[in-house]
C-alpha atoms as a PDB file:
ATOM      1  CA  MET A   1    -110.310 -54.602 183.433  1.00  0.00           C
ATOM      2  CA  ALA A   2    -109.738 -58.272 184.428  1.00  0.00           C
ATOM      3  CA  LYS A   3    -109.413 -58.959 188.177  1.00  0.00           C
ATOM      4  CA  LYS A   4    -106.120 -60.736 187.450  1.00  0.00           C
ATOM      5  CA  SER A   5    -103.692 -59.144 184.932  1.00  0.00           C
ATOM      6  CA  SER A   6    -100.023 -58.537 184.152  1.00  0.00           C
ATOM      7  CA  ARG A   7     -99.134 -54.922 183.612  1.00  0.00           C
ATOM      8  CA  ILE A   8     -96.180 -52.645 182.864  1.00  0.00           C
ATOM      9  CA  TYR A   9     -96.539 -49.037 184.099  1.00  0.00           C
ATOM     10  CA  LEU A  10     -94.422 -46.135 182.784  1.00  0.00           C
ATOM     11  CA  LYS A  11     -95.036 -42.773 184.251  1.00  0.00           C
ATOM     12  CA  LYS A  12     -93.270 -39.292 184.197  1.00  0.00           C
ATOM     13  CA  PHE A  13     -93.927 -36.399 186.540  1.00  0.00           C
ATOM     14  CA  PRO A  14     -92.659 -32.735 186.111  1.00  0.00           C
ATOM     15  CA  LYS A  15     -90.876 -32.551 189.508  1.00  0.00           C
ATOM     16  CA  LYS A  16     -89.416 -34.919 191.921  1.00  0.00           C
ATOM     17  CA  MET A  17     -91.434 -35.867 195.013  1.00  0.00           C
ATOM     18  CA  VAL A  18     -89.657 -36.866 198.153  1.00  0.00           C
ATOM     19  CA  ILE A  19     -90.480 -37.998 201.712  1.00  0.00           C
ATOM     20  CA  GLU A  20     -89.328 -35.648 204.413  1.00  0.00           C
ATOM     21  CA  GLU A  21     -89.220 -36.455 208.140  1.00  0.00           C
ATOM     22  CA  VAL A  22     -90.535 -33.598 210.189  1.00  0.00           C
ATOM     23  CA  VAL A  23     -90.928 -33.076 213.983  1.00  0.00           C
ATOM     24  CA  VAL A  24     -94.541 -32.660 214.974  1.00  0.00           C
ATOM     25  CA  LYS A  25     -95.732 -31.484 218.377  1.00  0.00           C
ATOM     26  CA  ASN A  26     -98.931 -33.012 219.639  1.00  0.00           C
ATOM     27  CA  THR A  27    -100.819 -32.217 222.854  1.00  0.00           C
ATOM     28  CA  VAL A  28    -101.836 -35.504 224.618  1.00  0.00           C
ATOM     29  CA  SER A  29    -103.525 -36.160 227.945  1.00  0.00           C
ATOM     30  CA  ASP A  30    -102.636 -38.782 230.448  1.00  0.00           C
ATOM     31  CA  ASN A  31    -104.897 -41.933 230.369  1.00  0.00           C
ATOM     32  CA  LYS A  32    -105.867 -44.294 233.227  1.00  0.00           C
ATOM     33  CA  ASP A  33    -108.632 -46.697 234.129  1.00  0.00           C
ATOM     34  CA  LEU A  34    -111.484 -45.164 236.208  1.00  0.00           C
ATOM     35  CA  LYS A  35    -111.629 -46.290 239.824  1.00  0.00           C
ATOM     36  CA  TYR A  36    -115.224 -45.171 240.490  1.00  0.00           C
ATOM     37  CA  ILE A  37    -118.317 -43.879 238.637  1.00  0.00           C
ATOM     38  CA  VAL A  38    -120.665 -41.579 240.589  1.00  0.00           C
ATOM     39  CA  GLU A  39    -124.192 -41.174 239.281  1.00  0.00           C
ATOM     40  CA  TYR A  40    -126.988 -38.978 240.717  1.00  0.00           C
ATOM     41  CA  GLU A  41    -130.792 -38.711 240.317  1.00  0.00           C
ATOM     42  CA  VAL A  42    -133.671 -36.897 241.849  1.00  0.00           C
ATOM     43  CA  ASP A  43    -137.081 -38.322 242.484  1.00  0.00           C
ATOM     44  CA  LYS A  44    -139.057 -35.015 242.514  1.00  0.00           C
ATOM     45  CA  LEU A  45    -138.666 -31.966 240.479  1.00  0.00           C
ATOM     46  CA  LYS A  46    -141.504 -29.538 241.464  1.00  0.00           C
ATOM     47  CA  ASP A  47    -143.557 -28.454 244.495  1.00  0.00           C
ATOM     48  CA  LEU A  48    -140.563 -28.984 246.818  1.00  0.00           C
ATOM     49  CA  SER A  49    -140.844 -27.826 250.527  1.00  0.00           C
ATOM     50  CA  GLU A  50    -139.802 -28.851 253.936  1.00  0.00           C
ATOM     51  CA  GLU A  51    -142.814 -31.113 254.244  1.00  0.00           C
ATOM     52  CA  THR A  52    -142.431 -32.545 250.766  1.00  0.00           C
ATOM     53  CA  PRO A  53    -138.665 -32.665 249.960  1.00  0.00           C
ATOM     54  CA  ALA A  54    -136.995 -34.380 247.047  1.00  0.00           C
ATOM     55  CA  ASN A  55    -134.838 -37.403 247.580  1.00  0.00           C
ATOM     56  CA  ILE A  56    -131.360 -37.223 245.886  1.00  0.00           C
ATOM     57  CA  ASN A  57    -129.907 -40.664 245.205  1.00  0.00           C
ATOM     58  CA  LEU A  58    -126.158 -41.095 244.797  1.00  0.00           C
ATOM     59  CA  TYR A  59    -124.927 -44.365 243.279  1.00  0.00           C
ATOM     60  CA  VAL A  60    -121.168 -45.015 243.578  1.00  0.00           C
ATOM     61  CA  TYR A  61    -119.957 -47.856 241.390  1.00  0.00           C
ATOM     62  CA  LYS A  62    -116.531 -49.270 241.960  1.00  0.00           C
ATOM     63  CA  VAL A  63    -114.815 -50.470 238.773  1.00  0.00           C
ATOM     64  CA  VAL A  64    -113.639 -53.994 239.723  1.00  0.00           C
ATOM     65  CA  THR A  65    -112.651 -55.352 236.321  1.00  0.00           C
ATOM     66  CA  PRO A  66    -111.344 -52.770 233.869  1.00  0.00           C
ATOM     67  CA  PHE A  67    -111.715 -54.177 230.380  1.00  0.00           C
ATOM     68  CA  GLY A  68    -110.302 -52.790 227.158  1.00  0.00           C
ATOM     69  CA  ASP A  69    -111.117 -49.068 226.689  1.00  0.00           C
ATOM     70  CA  GLU A  70    -114.495 -49.152 228.394  1.00  0.00           C
ATOM     71  CA  PHE A  71    -113.237 -47.434 231.552  1.00  0.00           C
ATOM     72  CA  LYS A  72    -110.350 -45.397 230.145  1.00  0.00           C
ATOM     73  CA  THR A  73    -110.390 -41.760 231.168  1.00  0.00           C
ATOM     74  CA  ASN A  74    -109.905 -40.591 227.623  1.00  0.00           C
ATOM     75  CA  TYR A  75    -112.782 -42.833 226.375  1.00  0.00           C
ATOM     76  CA  PHE A  76    -115.473 -42.886 229.091  1.00  0.00           C
ATOM     77  CA  THR A  77    -118.192 -40.141 228.722  1.00  0.00           C
ATOM     78  CA  GLU A  78    -121.630 -39.310 230.207  1.00  0.00           C
ATOM     79  CA  HIS A  79    -123.187 -41.459 227.527  1.00  0.00           C
ATOM     80  CA  SER A  80    -121.003 -44.550 228.025  1.00  0.00           C
ATOM     81  CA  VAL A  81    -122.914 -47.794 228.669  1.00  0.00           C
ATOM     82  CA  VAL A  82    -121.405 -49.756 231.602  1.00  0.00           C
ATOM     83  CA  THR A  83    -121.185 -53.572 231.645  1.00  0.00           C
ATOM     84  CA  ASN A  84    -122.835 -54.400 234.980  1.00  0.00           C
ATOM     85  CA  SER A  85    -120.508 -57.451 235.680  1.00  0.00           C
ATOM     86  CA  LEU A  86    -117.550 -55.091 235.622  1.00  0.00           C
ATOM     87  CA  VAL A  87    -118.615 -52.729 238.355  1.00  0.00           C
ATOM     88  CA  LYS A  88    -119.934 -53.169 241.872  1.00  0.00           C
ATOM     89  CA  LEU A  89    -122.466 -50.764 243.445  1.00  0.00           C
ATOM     90  CA  VAL A  90    -121.267 -49.585 246.868  1.00  0.00           C
ATOM     91  CA  ASN A  91    -123.874 -49.748 249.647  1.00  0.00           C
ATOM     92  CA  ILE A  92    -124.372 -51.210 253.039  1.00  0.00           C
ATOM     93  CA  GLU A  93    -127.029 -53.653 251.804  1.00  0.00           C
ATOM     94  CA  ASN A  94    -124.578 -55.188 249.394  1.00  0.00           C
ATOM     95  CA  ASP A  95    -127.123 -55.338 246.669  1.00  0.00           C
ATOM     96  CA  SER A  96    -127.397 -53.947 243.165  1.00  0.00           C
ATOM     97  CA  ILE A  97    -130.278 -51.434 243.641  1.00  0.00           C
ATOM     98  CA  THR A  98    -129.937 -49.510 246.895  1.00  0.00           C
ATOM     99  CA  PRO A  99    -128.331 -46.043 246.704  1.00  0.00           C
ATOM    100  CA  THR A 100    -124.908 -45.442 248.066  1.00  0.00           C
ATOM    101  CA  TYR A 101    -126.127 -42.383 249.749  1.00  0.00           C
ATOM    102  CA  ILE A 102    -129.535 -40.507 250.059  1.00  0.00           C
ATOM    103  CA  ILE A 103    -129.967 -36.689 250.685  1.00  0.00           C
ATOM    104  CA  THR A 104    -133.064 -34.665 250.913  1.00  0.00           C
ATOM    105  CA  ALA A 105    -133.550 -31.126 249.593  1.00  0.00           C
ATOM    106  CA  SER A 106    -136.465 -28.823 249.861  1.00  0.00           C
ATOM    107  CA  SER A 107    -135.797 -26.644 246.790  1.00  0.00           C
ATOM    108  CA  ILE A 108    -134.242 -26.975 243.353  1.00  0.00           C
ATOM    109  CA  ASN A 109    -131.381 -24.727 244.388  1.00  0.00           C
ATOM    110  CA  ASP A 110    -130.634 -27.026 247.394  1.00  0.00           C
ATOM    111  CA  VAL A 111    -130.835 -30.068 245.008  1.00  0.00           C
ATOM    112  CA  TYR A 112    -127.923 -29.084 242.851  1.00  0.00           C
ATOM    113  CA  LYS A 113    -125.970 -27.587 245.823  1.00  0.00           C
ATOM    114  CA  GLU A 114    -126.248 -30.937 247.673  1.00  0.00           C
ATOM    115  CA  ILE A 115    -125.069 -32.930 244.639  1.00  0.00           C
ATOM    116  CA  ARG A 116    -122.122 -30.588 244.185  1.00  0.00           C
ATOM    117  CA  ASP A 117    -121.215 -30.729 247.889  1.00  0.00           C
ATOM    118  CA  LYS A 118    -121.389 -34.570 248.223  1.00  0.00           C
ATOM    119  CA  ILE A 119    -119.340 -35.145 245.027  1.00  0.00           C
ATOM    120  CA  PHE A 120    -116.793 -32.576 246.205  1.00  0.00           C
ATOM    121  CA  LEU A 121    -116.690 -34.319 249.671  1.00  0.00           C
ATOM    122  CA  MET A 122    -115.875 -37.618 248.001  1.00  0.00           C
ATOM    123  CA  HIS A 123    -113.209 -35.888 245.933  1.00  0.00           C
ATOM    124  CA  ASP A 124    -111.711 -34.070 249.001  1.00  0.00           C
ATOM    125  CA  LYS A 125    -112.096 -36.601 251.875  1.00  0.00           C
ATOM    126  CA  GLY A 126    -112.983 -39.989 250.284  1.00  0.00           C
ATOM    127  CA  LEU A 127    -115.979 -42.304 250.043  1.00  0.00           C
ATOM    128  CA  ASN A 128    -115.955 -43.054 253.824  1.00  0.00           C
ATOM    129  CA  GLU A 129    -117.001 -39.601 254.567  1.00  0.00           C
ATOM    130  CA  LEU A 130    -120.422 -40.533 253.306  1.00  0.00           C
ATOM    131  CA  ASN A 131    -120.472 -43.558 255.579  1.00  0.00           C
ATOM    132  CA  GLY A 132    -117.758 -44.832 257.976  1.00  0.00           C
ATOM    133  CA  GLN A 133    -118.385 -48.345 256.744  1.00  0.00           C
ATOM    134  CA  TYR A 134    -117.271 -47.605 253.224  1.00  0.00           C
ATOM    135  CA  GLU A 135    -113.618 -48.114 252.401  1.00  0.00           C
ATOM    136  CA  SER A 136    -111.187 -45.220 252.566  1.00  0.00           C
ATOM    137  CA  GLY A 137    -108.494 -44.314 250.196  1.00  0.00           C
ATOM    138  CA  ASP A 138    -108.014 -42.389 246.967  1.00  0.00           C
ATOM    139  CA  MET A 139    -110.995 -42.551 244.650  1.00  0.00           C
ATOM    140  CA  HIS A 140    -109.411 -40.925 241.739  1.00  0.00           C
ATOM    141  CA  PRO A 141    -109.836 -40.861 238.836  1.00  0.00           C
ATOM    142  CA  PHE A 142    -113.654 -40.914 239.009  1.00  0.00           C
ATOM    143  CA  TYR A 143    -116.350 -39.834 236.719  1.00  0.00           C
ATOM    144  CA  PHE A 144    -119.584 -38.157 237.845  1.00  0.00           C
ATOM    145  CA  ARG A 145    -122.757 -38.032 235.706  1.00  0.00           C
ATOM    146  CA  PRO A 146    -126.554 -37.994 235.939  1.00  0.00           C
ATOM    147  CA  SER A 147    -128.178 -41.392 235.736  1.00  0.00           C
ATOM    148  CA  ASN A 148    -129.719 -42.310 232.511  1.00  0.00           C
ATOM    149  CA  LYS A 149    -133.068 -42.642 234.326  1.00  0.00           C
ATOM    150  CA  PHE A 150    -132.864 -38.996 235.581  1.00  0.00           C
ATOM    151  CA  LYS A 151    -132.130 -37.688 232.191  1.00  0.00           C
ATOM    152  CA  THR A 152    -134.686 -39.554 230.163  1.00  0.00           C
ATOM    153  CA  ASN A 153    -137.597 -40.764 232.321  1.00  0.00           C
ATOM    154  CA  PRO A 154    -140.332 -38.109 232.936  1.00  0.00           C
ATOM    155  CA  LEU A 155    -141.705 -38.071 236.550  1.00  0.00           C
ATOM    156  CA  GLU A 156    -145.089 -37.176 235.093  1.00  0.00           C
ATOM    157  CA  ASN A 157    -146.902 -38.367 231.983  1.00  0.00           C
ATOM    158  CA  PRO A 158    -147.184 -36.294 229.922  1.00  0.00           C
ATOM    159  CA  PRO A 159    -144.000 -34.564 230.897  1.00  0.00           C
ATOM    160  CA  ASP A 160    -144.479 -31.321 232.749  1.00  0.00           C
ATOM    161  CA  GLN A 161    -142.777 -28.088 231.431  1.00  0.00           C
ATOM    162  CA  GLU A 162    -141.843 -27.060 234.983  1.00  0.00           C
ATOM    163  CA  GLU A 163    -140.291 -30.434 235.561  1.00  0.00           C
ATOM    164  CA  ASN A 164    -138.224 -30.232 232.440  1.00  0.00           C
ATOM    165  CA  THR A 165    -137.037 -26.700 233.294  1.00  0.00           C
ATOM    166  CA  ASN A 166    -135.958 -27.663 236.844  1.00  0.00           C
ATOM    167  CA  ARG A 167    -134.220 -30.810 235.541  1.00  0.00           C
ATOM    168  CA  GLN A 168    -132.170 -28.730 233.129  1.00  0.00           C
ATOM    169  CA  MET A 169    -131.436 -26.182 235.946  1.00  0.00           C
ATOM    170  CA  ILE A 170    -129.938 -28.904 238.048  1.00  0.00           C
ATOM    171  CA  LEU A 171    -127.856 -30.347 235.194  1.00  0.00           C
ATOM    172  CA  ASN A 172    -126.648 -26.930 234.254  1.00  0.00           C
ATOM    173  CA  ASN A 173    -125.424 -26.212 237.918  1.00  0.00           C
ATOM    174  CA  VAL A 174    -123.644 -29.349 238.794  1.00  0.00           C
ATOM    175  CA  ASN A 175    -120.067 -28.222 238.460  1.00  0.00           C
ATOM    176  CA  ILE A 176    -117.252 -29.585 240.632  1.00  0.00           C
ATOM    177  CA  LEU A 177    -114.027 -27.494 240.626  1.00  0.00           C
ATOM    178  CA  ARG A 178    -115.027 -26.119 237.251  1.00  0.00           C
ATOM    179  CA  VAL A 179    -115.586 -29.630 235.757  1.00  0.00           C
ATOM    180  CA  GLY A 180    -118.967 -29.927 234.154  1.00  0.00           C
ATOM    181  CA  PRO A 181    -121.693 -28.964 233.856  1.00  0.00           C
ATOM    182  CA  SER A 182    -123.721 -32.025 234.523  1.00  0.00           C
ATOM    183  CA  SER A 183    -120.851 -34.517 234.260  1.00  0.00           C
ATOM    184  CA  GLY A 184    -117.127 -34.796 234.041  1.00  0.00           C
ATOM    185  CA  LEU A 185    -113.817 -36.510 235.026  1.00  0.00           C
ATOM    186  CA  ILE A 186    -112.162 -35.699 238.427  1.00  0.00           C
ATOM    187  CA  TRP A 187    -108.586 -36.656 237.682  1.00  0.00           C
ATOM    188  CA  SER A 188    -106.744 -36.627 241.046  1.00  0.00           C
ATOM    189  CA  ALA A 189    -106.889 -35.324 244.563  1.00  0.00           C
ATOM    190  CA  GLU A 190    -104.456 -32.578 243.611  1.00  0.00           C
ATOM    191  CA  LYS A 191    -105.779 -31.651 240.191  1.00  0.00           C
ATOM    192  CA  ALA A 192    -109.396 -32.011 239.126  1.00  0.00           C
ATOM    193  CA  LYS A 193    -108.649 -31.666 235.426  1.00  0.00           C
ATOM    194  CA  VAL A 194    -106.458 -34.105 233.566  1.00  0.00           C
ATOM    195  CA  GLU A 195    -102.975 -32.729 232.808  1.00  0.00           C
ATOM    196  CA  THR A 196    -101.824 -32.469 229.224  1.00  0.00           C
ATOM    197  CA  LYS A 197     -98.369 -32.468 227.828  1.00  0.00           C
ATOM    198  CA  THR A 198     -96.641 -31.791 224.536  1.00  0.00           C
ATOM    199  CA  VAL A 199     -95.109 -34.794 222.943  1.00  0.00           C
ATOM    200  CA  GLU A 200     -92.742 -34.588 219.872  1.00  0.00           C
ATOM    201  CA  SER A 201     -92.960 -37.299 217.160  1.00  0.00           C
ATOM    202  CA  ILE A 202     -91.442 -37.871 213.833  1.00  0.00           C
ATOM    203  CA  GLU A 203     -93.781 -37.942 210.943  1.00  0.00           C
ATOM    204  CA  GLU A 204     -93.205 -38.535 207.232  1.00  0.00           C
ATOM    205  CA  LYS A 205     -94.670 -36.053 204.819  1.00  0.00           C
ATOM    206  CA  VAL A 206     -94.412 -35.913 201.039  1.00  0.00           C
ATOM    207  CA  LYS A 207     -93.270 -32.688 199.247  1.00  0.00           C
ATOM    208  CA  ILE A 208     -92.351 -31.594 195.775  1.00  0.00           C
ATOM    209  CA  ASP A 209     -88.778 -30.499 195.270  1.00  0.00           C
ATOM    210  CA  PRO A 210     -89.168 -27.293 193.041  1.00  0.00           C
ATOM    211  CA  ASN A 211     -85.534 -27.366 192.033  1.00  0.00           C
ATOM    212  CA  SER A 212     -85.553 -30.955 190.827  1.00  0.00           C
ATOM    213  CA  PRO A 213     -85.751 -32.365 187.209  1.00  0.00           C
ATOM    214  CA  GLU A 214     -88.499 -34.609 186.097  1.00  0.00           C
ATOM    215  CA  GLN A 215     -89.127 -37.924 187.913  1.00  0.00           C
ATOM    216  CA  THR A 216     -89.873 -41.191 186.193  1.00  0.00           C
ATOM    217  CA  PHE A 217     -91.268 -44.448 187.407  1.00  0.00           C
ATOM    218  CA  GLY A 218     -91.491 -47.891 185.962  1.00  0.00           C
ATOM    219  CA  ALA A 219     -93.497 -50.709 187.575  1.00  0.00           C
ATOM    220  CA  ILE A 220     -94.362 -54.298 186.765  1.00  0.00           C
ATOM    221  CA  SER A 221     -97.217 -55.923 188.418  1.00  0.00           C
ATOM    222  CA  ALA A 222     -98.367 -59.626 188.354  1.00  0.00           C
ATOM    223  CA  ASP A 223     -99.018 -62.489 190.825  1.00  0.00           C
ATOM    224  CA  LYS A 224     -95.462 -63.632 190.431  1.00  0.00           C
ATOM    225  CA  ILE A 225     -92.585 -61.664 188.926  1.00  0.00           C
ATOM    226  CA  TYR A 226     -89.422 -63.420 187.593  1.00  0.00           C
ATOM    227  CA  LEU A 227     -86.088 -61.729 186.927  1.00  0.00           C
ATOM    228  CA  LEU A 228     -84.288 -64.242 184.729  1.00  0.00           C
ATOM    229  CA  SER A 229     -80.755 -64.160 183.356  1.00  0.00           C
ATOM    230  CA  THR A 230     -80.096 -66.643 180.565  1.00  0.00           C
ATOM    231  CA  ASP A 231     -76.301 -66.584 181.019  1.00  0.00           C
ATOM    232  CA  LEU A 232     -75.990 -69.765 182.944  1.00  0.00           C
ATOM    233  CA  GLY A 233     -72.222 -69.408 183.369  1.00  0.00           C
ATOM    234  CA  ASP A 234     -72.832 -66.508 185.657  1.00  0.00           C
ATOM    235  CA  ASN A 235     -75.766 -68.043 187.417  1.00  0.00           C
ATOM    236  CA  GLU A 236     -74.536 -71.508 188.318  1.00  0.00           C
ATOM    237  CA  SER A 237     -76.728 -73.537 190.679  1.00  0.00           C
ATOM    238  CA  ASN A 238     -77.505 -77.154 191.355  1.00  0.00           C
ATOM    239  CA  ASN A 239     -80.838 -76.753 189.620  1.00  0.00           C
ATOM    240  CA  PRO A 240     -80.561 -74.091 186.858  1.00  0.00           C
ATOM    241  CA  VAL A 241     -83.541 -72.926 184.771  1.00  0.00           C
ATOM    242  CA  PRO A 242     -83.501 -75.235 181.555  1.00  0.00           C
ATOM    243  CA  PHE A 243     -83.649 -72.298 179.160  1.00  0.00           C
ATOM    244  CA  PHE A 244     -82.637 -74.348 176.126  1.00  0.00           C
ATOM    245  CA  ASP A 245     -85.524 -76.730 176.756  1.00  0.00           C
ATOM    246  CA  LEU A 246     -88.155 -73.975 176.897  1.00  0.00           C
ATOM    247  CA  ASN A 247     -90.055 -72.592 174.048  1.00  0.00           C
ATOM    248  CA  GLY A 248     -88.084 -69.429 172.961  1.00  0.00           C
ATOM    249  CA  TYR A 249     -91.237 -67.679 171.809  1.00  0.00           C
ATOM    250  CA  ASP A 250     -93.633 -68.230 174.647  1.00  0.00           C
ATOM    251  CA  LEU A 251     -93.542 -69.677 178.188  1.00  0.00           C
ATOM    252  CA  THR A 252     -96.524 -71.727 179.286  1.00  0.00           C
ATOM    253  CA  GLN A 253     -98.174 -71.739 182.655  1.00  0.00           C
ATOM    254  CA  GLN A 254     -96.678 -75.118 183.317  1.00  0.00           C
ATOM    255  CA  ASP A 255     -93.166 -73.743 182.493  1.00  0.00           C
ATOM    256  CA  TYR A 256     -93.480 -71.110 185.132  1.00  0.00           C
ATOM    257  CA  ILE A 257     -94.823 -73.427 187.797  1.00  0.00           C
ATOM    258  CA  LYS A 258     -92.899 -76.617 187.145  1.00  0.00           C
ATOM    259  CA  ARG A 259     -89.607 -75.603 185.520  1.00  0.00           C
ATOM    260  CA  ILE A 260     -88.917 -71.959 186.457  1.00  0.00           C
ATOM    261  CA  GLY A 261     -90.347 -71.621 189.898  1.00  0.00           C
ATOM    262  CA  PRO A 262     -88.365 -74.424 191.534  1.00  0.00           C
ATOM    263  CA  SER A 263     -85.152 -73.164 189.939  1.00  0.00           C
ATOM    264  CA  THR A 264     -85.426 -69.535 191.187  1.00  0.00           C
ATOM    265  CA  PHE A 265     -85.005 -67.819 194.637  1.00  0.00           C
ATOM    266  CA  SER A 266     -86.910 -65.263 196.539  1.00  0.00           C
ATOM    267  CA  THR A 267     -85.608 -61.697 196.668  1.00  0.00           C
ATOM    268  CA  VAL A 268     -84.774 -60.214 200.063  1.00  0.00           C
ATOM    269  CA  ARG A 269     -86.359 -57.195 201.606  1.00  0.00           C
ATOM    270  CA  GLY A 270     -83.232 -55.294 202.573  1.00  0.00           C
ATOM    271  CA  GLU A 271     -84.745 -52.961 205.118  1.00  0.00           C
ATOM    272  CA  ASN A 272     -86.087 -55.823 207.112  1.00  0.00           C
ATOM    273  CA  LEU A 273     -82.900 -57.663 206.962  1.00  0.00           C
ATOM    274  CA  LEU A 274     -80.988 -54.564 208.230  1.00  0.00           C
ATOM    275  CA  LYS A 275     -83.528 -54.311 211.093  1.00  0.00           C
ATOM    276  CA  LEU A 276     -82.792 -57.878 212.060  1.00  0.00           C
ATOM    277  CA  LEU A 277     -78.965 -57.383 211.788  1.00  0.00           C
ATOM    278  CA  ASN A 278     -79.044 -54.126 213.854  1.00  0.00           C
ATOM    279  CA  LYS A 279     -80.997 -55.884 216.640  1.00  0.00           C
ATOM    280  CA  MET A 280     -78.509 -58.845 216.676  1.00  0.00           C
ATOM    281  CA  ILE A 281     -75.666 -56.375 217.016  1.00  0.00           C
ATOM    282  CA  GLU A 282     -77.516 -54.612 219.881  1.00  0.00           C
ATOM    283  CA  VAL A 283     -77.910 -58.012 221.710  1.00  0.00           C
ATOM    284  CA  ILE A 284     -74.135 -58.781 221.289  1.00  0.00           C
ATOM    285  CA  PHE A 285     -73.038 -55.429 222.614  1.00  0.00           C
ATOM    286  CA  THR A 286     -75.491 -55.000 225.485  1.00  0.00           C
ATOM    287  CA  HIS A 287     -76.229 -58.512 226.799  1.00  0.00           C
ATOM    288  CA  ARG A 288     -74.532 -59.662 229.926  1.00  0.00           C
ATOM    289  CA  HIS A 289     -75.017 -63.124 231.321  1.00  0.00           C
ATOM    290  CA  ASN A 290     -73.491 -65.841 233.472  1.00  0.00           C
ATOM    291  CA  PRO A 291     -70.929 -67.553 231.144  1.00  0.00           C
ATOM    292  CA  LEU A 292     -71.945 -70.929 232.784  1.00  0.00           C
ATOM    293  CA  MET A 293     -75.543 -70.525 231.511  1.00  0.00           C
ATOM    294  CA  PRO A 294     -76.819 -70.309 227.947  1.00  0.00           C
ATOM    295  CA  ILE A 295     -78.208 -66.996 226.779  1.00  0.00           C
ATOM    296  CA  VAL A 296     -81.796 -68.464 226.463  1.00  0.00           C
ATOM    297  CA  GLY A 297     -81.694 -69.141 230.212  1.00  0.00           C
ATOM    298  CA  GLN A 298     -81.149 -65.551 231.230  1.00  0.00           C
ATOM    299  CA  TYR A 299     -83.705 -63.107 232.476  1.00  0.00           C
ATOM    300  CA  ASP A 300     -85.789 -61.143 229.946  1.00  0.00           C
ATOM    301  CA  TYR A 301     -84.322 -57.940 228.715  1.00  0.00           C
ATOM    302  CA  ASP A 302     -85.580 -55.472 226.019  1.00  0.00           C
ATOM    303  CA  GLU A 303     -83.046 -56.087 223.252  1.00  0.00           C
ATOM    304  CA  GLY A 304     -83.346 -59.871 223.581  1.00  0.00           C
ATOM    305  CA  ASN A 305     -87.132 -59.879 223.624  1.00  0.00           C
ATOM    306  CA  GLN A 306     -87.240 -57.635 220.673  1.00  0.00           C
ATOM    307  CA  LEU A 307     -84.900 -59.969 218.755  1.00  0.00           C
ATOM    308  CA  LYS A 308     -87.140 -62.919 219.658  1.00  0.00           C
ATOM    309  CA  GLU A 309     -90.095 -60.992 218.210  1.00  0.00           C
ATOM    310  CA  LEU A 310     -88.300 -60.459 214.992  1.00  0.00           C
ATOM    311  CA  PHE A 311     -87.434 -64.098 214.661  1.00  0.00           C
ATOM    312  CA  LYS A 312     -91.116 -65.101 214.980  1.00  0.00           C
ATOM    313  CA  THR A 313     -91.904 -63.610 211.550  1.00  0.00           C
ATOM    314  CA  LEU A 314     -88.474 -63.743 210.023  1.00  0.00           C
ATOM    315  CA  GLU A 315     -89.279 -65.693 206.909  1.00  0.00           C
ATOM    316  CA  ASN A 316     -92.239 -63.592 205.809  1.00  0.00           C
ATOM    317  CA  ASP A 317     -90.616 -60.328 206.831  1.00  0.00           C
ATOM    318  CA  ILE A 318     -87.324 -60.827 204.888  1.00  0.00           C
ATOM    319  CA  LEU A 319     -88.223 -63.067 201.888  1.00  0.00           C
ATOM    320  CA  ASN A 320     -90.487 -61.617 199.090  1.00  0.00           C
ATOM    321  CA  LYS A 321     -91.637 -64.912 197.539  1.00  0.00           C
ATOM    322  CA  SER A 322     -93.546 -63.185 194.689  1.00  0.00           C
ATOM    323  CA  ILE A 323     -90.440 -61.758 193.219  1.00  0.00           C
ATOM    324  CA  ARG A 324     -87.956 -64.446 192.192  1.00  0.00           C
ATOM    325  CA  ILE A 325     -84.485 -64.417 190.574  1.00  0.00           C
ATOM    326  CA  ASN A 326     -82.293 -67.186 189.268  1.00  0.00           C
END
């Protein structure tokens, strides 16, 4: 039960377990940074009329500094919190509070119809259809959603049931090209919904071979493992392990650290060594360069860059310094 221990494990299982590579098909969607975020809110939710209409405020935020996954189309949702310094509110006043566009509506039905129509107009024609002073060009992908204020702040205190019912009616009826209700991603000018594709990948899975005999395992665990051969004639080196000077019954901690460790060598992780050798062979057979210039002075290319990356961690990748042999 000690935190540090030396152990020998011996184990037997009734059938052999193997790792098998299988082809797995996964459905994945494309992923981009949002260009714009469109938010809507309404300042009045009951007693609407021609004389007392509701104002619908549209806020269009341009994503000026995509950062990490914050604005990725497969990450951003109706509930995502936006870092203000990474977006810019589009308006003529060039401030951070004035709506991009204001519409009036004299009924709840007109409210959600106006929201749908204006978001569709931005999708179909562009932002400058709301105001000729706004920039033109493709807005996609963009995300539309109700503002947090519209969803959470009651217009009356205490909240009115009619107000709550009308708010929910609006949210339930904001659909743009079957995207929604309430919020959603408009992917491109041609396709509102993001396209998905099937991608094949190789995955390793374990399985029991029913026709195999028993399978046994032996394992040794310790901070450092030494594989020592006492036949010095077959293990000549400039600094052999002084077996005849060591206690034949028990080796001390000092023996391991001072006399055995410096006279042994790290084992090699063969798979990592093969990976390096394969990459070196690829470079030899694929690289073309001006014979008057050294290879290091040539333009970047995939095989060469991959070889450079392997060299960065070469020692730790290939040498297993905890298992030593003489």
